[in-house]
Amino acid sequence: MLAIVAAVLFFLAFLINAADISTNDTFSSVNLMLLGLTALALHVAGAVGWARGRSSRRRR
């Protein structure tokens, strides 16, 4: 789920940068890219599965 959020944030950052859209400092392409990297890092670390009490490893 966080990987999808990261992909959407990266896409929005790309569109803002490619279209050269003037935005305020809070909603800049760099900030969206950093939020996407944060979501991707949480996904890779398995933060959502840990927060739900599940592990990504299966028991044998």
PDB file of N, CA and C in Angstrom:
ATOM      1  N   MET A   1       0.825  -1.196   0.000  1.00  0.00           N
ATOM      2  CA  MET A   1       0.000   0.000   0.000  1.00  0.00           C
ATOM      3  C   MET A   1       0.869   1.260   0.000  1.00  0.00           C
ATOM      4  N   LEU A   2       1.918   1.247   0.828  1.00  0.00           N
ATOM      5  CA  LEU A   2       2.788   2.418   0.864  1.00  0.00           C
ATOM      6  C   LEU A   2       3.570   2.582  -0.434  1.00  0.00           C
ATOM      7  N   ALA A   3       3.820   1.481  -1.111  1.00  0.00           N
ATOM      8  CA  ALA A   3       4.520   1.575  -2.403  1.00  0.00           C
ATOM      9  C   ALA A   3       3.634   2.275  -3.434  1.00  0.00           C
ATOM     10  N   ILE A   4       2.350   2.045  -3.389  1.00  0.00           N
ATOM     11  CA  ILE A   4       1.420   2.716  -4.308  1.00  0.00           C
ATOM     12  C   ILE A   4       1.357   4.206  -3.986  1.00  0.00           C
ATOM     13  N   VAL A   5       1.318   4.535  -2.704  1.00  0.00           N
ATOM     14  CA  VAL A   5       1.319   5.945  -2.283  1.00  0.00           C
ATOM     15  C   VAL A   5       2.601   6.617  -2.758  1.00  0.00           C
ATOM     16  N   ALA A   6       3.729   5.920  -2.611  1.00  0.00           N
ATOM     17  CA  ALA A   6       5.009   6.478  -3.056  1.00  0.00           C
ATOM     18  C   ALA A   6       4.997   6.704  -4.557  1.00  0.00           C
ATOM     19  N   ALA A   7       4.458   5.755  -5.317  1.00  0.00           N
ATOM     20  CA  ALA A   7       4.406   5.908  -6.771  1.00  0.00           C
ATOM     21  C   ALA A   7       3.547   7.100  -7.179  1.00  0.00           C
ATOM     22  N   VAL A   8       2.442   7.295  -6.511  1.00  0.00           N
ATOM     23  CA  VAL A   8       1.564   8.434  -6.817  1.00  0.00           C
ATOM     24  C   VAL A   8       2.268   9.747  -6.480  1.00  0.00           C
ATOM     25  N   LEU A   9       2.956   9.795  -5.342  1.00  0.00           N
ATOM     26  CA  LEU A   9       3.674  11.017  -4.970  1.00  0.00           C
ATOM     27  C   LEU A   9       4.800  11.321  -5.948  1.00  0.00           C
ATOM     28  N   PHE A  10       5.521  10.283  -6.381  1.00  0.00           N
ATOM     29  CA  PHE A  10       6.577  10.487  -7.372  1.00  0.00           C
ATOM     30  C   PHE A  10       5.995  10.990  -8.687  1.00  0.00           C
ATOM     31  N   PHE A  11       4.857  10.454  -9.091  1.00  0.00           N
ATOM     32  CA  PHE A  11       4.228  10.890 -10.334  1.00  0.00           C
ATOM     33  C   PHE A  11       3.782  12.346 -10.244  1.00  0.00           C
ATOM     34  N   LEU A  12       3.191  12.729  -9.118  1.00  0.00           N
ATOM     35  CA  LEU A  12       2.781  14.130  -8.947  1.00  0.00           C
ATOM     36  C   LEU A  12       3.986  15.062  -8.938  1.00  0.00           C
ATOM     37  N   ALA A  13       5.067  14.631  -8.285  1.00  0.00           N
ATOM     38  CA  ALA A  13       6.284  15.450  -8.279  1.00  0.00           C
ATOM     39  C   ALA A  13       6.840  15.602  -9.694  1.00  0.00           C
ATOM     40  N   PHE A  14       6.784  14.518 -10.468  1.00  0.00           N
ATOM     41  CA  PHE A  14       7.238  14.586 -11.859  1.00  0.00           C
ATOM     42  C   PHE A  14       6.385  15.555 -12.673  1.00  0.00           C
ATOM     43  N   LEU A  15       5.065  15.471 -12.521  1.00  0.00           N
ATOM     44  CA  LEU A  15       4.188  16.368 -13.282  1.00  0.00           C
ATOM     45  C   LEU A  15       4.427  17.826 -12.925  1.00  0.00           C
ATOM     46  N   ILE A  16       4.597  18.115 -11.642  1.00  0.00           N
ATOM     47  CA  ILE A  16       4.847  19.498 -11.223  1.00  0.00           C
ATOM     48  C   ILE A  16       6.166  19.987 -11.801  1.00  0.00           C
ATOM     49  N   ASN A  17       7.175  19.116 -11.772  1.00  0.00           N
ATOM     50  CA  ASN A  17       8.482  19.507 -12.289  1.00  0.00           C
ATOM     51  C   ASN A  17       8.466  19.621 -13.814  1.00  0.00           C
ATOM     52  N   ALA A  18       7.841  18.681 -14.504  1.00  0.00           N
ATOM     53  CA  ALA A  18       7.842  18.684 -15.969  1.00  0.00           C
ATOM     54  C   ALA A  18       7.013  19.828 -16.539  1.00  0.00           C
ATOM     55  N   ALA A  19       5.897  20.119 -15.900  1.00  0.00           N
ATOM     56  CA  ALA A  19       5.027  21.183 -16.399  1.00  0.00           C
ATOM     57  C   ALA A  19       5.478  22.557 -15.924  1.00  0.00           C
ATOM     58  N   ASP A  20       6.485  22.567 -15.063  1.00  0.00           N
ATOM     59  CA  ASP A  20       7.014  23.818 -14.506  1.00  0.00           C
ATOM     60  C   ASP A  20       5.899  24.640 -13.857  1.00  0.00           C
ATOM     61  N   ILE A  21       5.097  23.954 -13.064  1.00  0.00           N
ATOM     62  CA  ILE A  21       3.987  24.591 -12.368  1.00  0.00           C
ATOM     63  C   ILE A  21       4.514  25.349 -11.157  1.00  0.00           C
ATOM     64  N   SER A  22       4.092  26.549 -11.012  1.00  0.00           N
ATOM     65  CA  SER A  22       4.497  27.368  -9.875  1.00  0.00           C
ATOM     66  C   SER A  22       3.619  27.035  -8.671  1.00  0.00           C
ATOM     67  N   THR A  23       4.220  26.500  -7.624  1.00  0.00           N
ATOM     68  CA  THR A  23       3.493  26.160  -6.407  1.00  0.00           C
ATOM     69  C   THR A  23       4.158  26.847  -5.231  1.00  0.00           C
ATOM     70  N   ASN A  24       3.472  26.809  -4.091  1.00  0.00           N
ATOM     71  CA  ASN A  24       4.079  27.392  -2.898  1.00  0.00           C
ATOM     72  C   ASN A  24       5.165  26.464  -2.371  1.00  0.00           C
ATOM     73  N   ASP A  25       5.898  26.889  -1.372  1.00  0.00           N
ATOM     74  CA  ASP A  25       7.048  26.126  -0.876  1.00  0.00           C
ATOM     75  C   ASP A  25       6.643  24.801  -0.245  1.00  0.00           C
ATOM     76  N   THR A  26       5.455  24.720   0.307  1.00  0.00           N
ATOM     77  CA  THR A  26       5.026  23.495   0.968  1.00  0.00           C
ATOM     78  C   THR A  26       4.685  22.409  -0.042  1.00  0.00           C
ATOM     79  N   PHE A  27       4.130  22.780  -1.160  1.00  0.00           N
ATOM     80  CA  PHE A  27       3.652  21.822  -2.164  1.00  0.00           C
ATOM     81  C   PHE A  27       4.581  21.802  -3.379  1.00  0.00           C
ATOM     82  N   SER A  28       5.880  21.712  -3.138  1.00  0.00           N
ATOM     83  CA  SER A  28       6.833  21.701  -4.249  1.00  0.00           C
ATOM     84  C   SER A  28       7.127  20.270  -4.675  1.00  0.00           C
ATOM     85  N   SER A  29       7.739  20.126  -5.832  1.00  0.00           N
ATOM     86  CA  SER A  29       8.037  18.794  -6.339  1.00  0.00           C
ATOM     87  C   SER A  29       9.072  18.087  -5.474  1.00  0.00           C
ATOM     88  N   VAL A  30       9.994  18.839  -4.898  1.00  0.00           N
ATOM     89  CA  VAL A  30      11.011  18.232  -4.032  1.00  0.00           C
ATOM     90  C   VAL A  30      10.375  17.683  -2.761  1.00  0.00           C
ATOM     91  N   ASN A  31       9.446  18.423  -2.180  1.00  0.00           N
ATOM     92  CA  ASN A  31       8.776  17.945  -0.971  1.00  0.00           C
ATOM     93  C   ASN A  31       7.928  16.714  -1.251  1.00  0.00           C
ATOM     94  N   LEU A  32       7.254  16.674  -2.399  1.00  0.00           N
ATOM     95  CA  LEU A  32       6.492  15.482  -2.762  1.00  0.00           C
ATOM     96  C   LEU A  32       7.411  14.291  -2.986  1.00  0.00           C
ATOM     97  N   MET A  33       8.569  14.540  -3.582  1.00  0.00           N
ATOM     98  CA  MET A  33       9.521  13.459  -3.796  1.00  0.00           C
ATOM     99  C   MET A  33      10.041  12.931  -2.458  1.00  0.00           C
ATOM    100  N   LEU A  34      10.294  13.807  -1.504  1.00  0.00           N
ATOM    101  CA  LEU A  34      10.757  13.369  -0.185  1.00  0.00           C
ATOM    102  C   LEU A  34       9.670  12.592   0.560  1.00  0.00           C
ATOM    103  N   LEU A  35       8.430  12.995   0.413  1.00  0.00           N
ATOM    104  CA  LEU A  35       7.334  12.225   1.016  1.00  0.00           C
ATOM    105  C   LEU A  35       7.220  10.849   0.364  1.00  0.00           C
ATOM    106  N   GLY A  36       7.427  10.791  -0.941  1.00  0.00           N
ATOM    107  CA  GLY A  36       7.418   9.511  -1.635  1.00  0.00           C
ATOM    108  C   GLY A  36       8.549   8.612  -1.173  1.00  0.00           C
ATOM    109  N   LEU A  37       9.730   9.180  -0.973  1.00  0.00           N
ATOM    110  CA  LEU A  37      10.851   8.394  -0.470  1.00  0.00           C
ATOM    111  C   LEU A  37      10.590   7.890   0.944  1.00  0.00           C
ATOM    112  N   THR A  38       9.947   8.701   1.760  1.00  0.00           N
ATOM    113  CA  THR A  38       9.596   8.277   3.111  1.00  0.00           C
ATOM    114  C   THR A  38       8.609   7.117   3.077  1.00  0.00           C
ATOM    115  N   ALA A  39       7.590   7.221   2.224  1.00  0.00           N
ATOM    116  CA  ALA A  39       6.616   6.136   2.106  1.00  0.00           C
ATOM    117  C   ALA A  39       7.268   4.868   1.576  1.00  0.00           C
ATOM    118  N   LEU A  40       8.188   5.010   0.628  1.00  0.00           N
ATOM    119  CA  LEU A  40       8.885   3.856   0.083  1.00  0.00           C
ATOM    120  C   LEU A  40       9.791   3.212   1.131  1.00  0.00           C
ATOM    121  N   ALA A  41      10.460   4.020   1.930  1.00  0.00           N
ATOM    122  CA  ALA A  41      11.312   3.486   2.989  1.00  0.00           C
ATOM    123  C   ALA A  41      10.487   2.749   4.037  1.00  0.00           C
ATOM    124  N   LEU A  42       9.329   3.283   4.384  1.00  0.00           N
ATOM    125  CA  LEU A  42       8.454   2.598   5.340  1.00  0.00           C
ATOM    126  C   LEU A  42       7.937   1.290   4.763  1.00  0.00           C
ATOM    127  N   HIS A  43       7.666   1.260   3.467  1.00  0.00           N
ATOM    128  CA  HIS A  43       7.212   0.039   2.820  1.00  0.00           C
ATOM    129  C   HIS A  43       8.307  -1.033   2.848  1.00  0.00           C
ATOM    130  N   VAL A  44       9.514  -0.627   2.504  1.00  0.00           N
ATOM    131  CA  VAL A  44      10.631  -1.572   2.478  1.00  0.00           C
ATOM    132  C   VAL A  44      10.942  -2.078   3.881  1.00  0.00           C
ATOM    133  N   ALA A  45      10.815  -1.214   4.873  1.00  0.00           N
ATOM    134  CA  ALA A  45      11.090  -1.608   6.255  1.00  0.00           C
ATOM    135  C   ALA A  45       9.985  -2.480   6.834  1.00  0.00           C
ATOM    136  N   GLY A  46       8.847  -2.541   6.176  1.00  0.00           N
ATOM    137  CA  GLY A  46       7.739  -3.354   6.665  1.00  0.00           C
ATOM    138  C   GLY A  46       6.987  -2.706   7.805  1.00  0.00           C
ATOM    139  N   ALA A  47       6.897  -1.402   7.786  1.00  0.00           N
ATOM    140  CA  ALA A  47       6.274  -0.677   8.890  1.00  0.00           C
ATOM    141  C   ALA A  47       4.777  -0.964   9.000  1.00  0.00           C
ATOM    142  N   VAL A  48       4.095  -1.170   7.906  1.00  0.00           N
ATOM    143  CA  VAL A  48       2.650  -1.390   7.967  1.00  0.00           C
ATOM    144  C   VAL A  48       2.337  -2.749   8.565  1.00  0.00           C
ATOM    145  N   GLY A  49       3.048  -3.772   8.157  1.00  0.00           N
ATOM    146  CA  GLY A  49       2.838  -5.105   8.720  1.00  0.00           C
ATOM    147  C   GLY A  49       3.169  -5.143  10.199  1.00  0.00           C
ATOM    148  N   TRP A  50       4.208  -4.409  10.598  1.00  0.00           N
ATOM    149  CA  TRP A  50       4.587  -4.345  12.004  1.00  0.00           C
ATOM    150  C   TRP A  50       3.529  -3.604  12.814  1.00  0.00           C
ATOM    151  N   ALA A  51       2.964  -2.555  12.247  1.00  0.00           N
ATOM    152  CA  ALA A  51       1.964  -1.767  12.961  1.00  0.00           C
ATOM    153  C   ALA A  51       0.668  -2.554  13.143  1.00  0.00           C
ATOM    154  N   ARG A  52       0.380  -3.452  12.229  1.00  0.00           N
ATOM    155  CA  ARG A  52      -0.836  -4.250  12.330  1.00  0.00           C
ATOM    156  C   ARG A  52      -0.639  -5.486  13.194  1.00  0.00           C
ATOM    157  N   GLY A  53       0.588  -5.736  13.618  1.00  0.00           N
ATOM    158  CA  GLY A  53       0.849  -6.910  14.434  1.00  0.00           C
ATOM    159  C   GLY A  53       1.135  -8.145  13.620  1.00  0.00           C
ATOM    160  N   ARG A  54       1.314  -8.009  12.331  1.00  0.00           N
ATOM    161  CA  ARG A  54       1.623  -9.124  11.457  1.00  0.00           C
ATOM    162  C   ARG A  54       3.084  -9.046  11.067  1.00  0.00           C
ATOM    163  N   SER A  55       3.637 -10.166  10.746  1.00  0.00           N
ATOM    164  CA  SER A  55       4.991 -10.173  10.211  1.00  0.00           C
ATOM    165  C   SER A  55       4.944 -10.586   8.755  1.00  0.00           C
ATOM    166  N   SER A  56       5.949 -10.163   8.015  1.00  0.00           N
ATOM    167  CA  SER A  56       5.971 -10.526   6.600  1.00  0.00           C
ATOM    168  C   SER A  56       6.471 -11.948   6.386  1.00  0.00           C
ATOM    169  N   ARG A  57       7.075 -12.551   7.398  1.00  0.00           N
ATOM    170  CA  ARG A  57       7.567 -13.928   7.287  1.00  0.00           C
ATOM    171  C   ARG A  57       6.449 -14.904   7.656  1.00  0.00           C
ATOM    172  N   ARG A  58       6.403 -15.983   6.928  1.00  0.00           N
ATOM    173  CA  ARG A  58       5.377 -16.991   7.201  1.00  0.00           C
ATOM    174  C   ARG A  58       5.955 -18.056   8.106  1.00  0.00           C
ATOM    175  N   ARG A  59       5.125 -18.567   8.977  1.00  0.00           N
ATOM    176  CA  ARG A  59       5.558 -19.643   9.857  1.00  0.00           C
ATOM    177  C   ARG A  59       5.476 -20.963   9.116  1.00  0.00           C
ATOM    178  N   ARG A  60       6.416 -21.828   9.422  1.00  0.00           N
ATOM    179  CA  ARG A  60       6.412 -23.147   8.769  1.00  0.00           C
ATOM    180  C   ARG A  60       5.898 -24.187   9.711  1.00  0.00           C
TER     181      ARG A  60
END
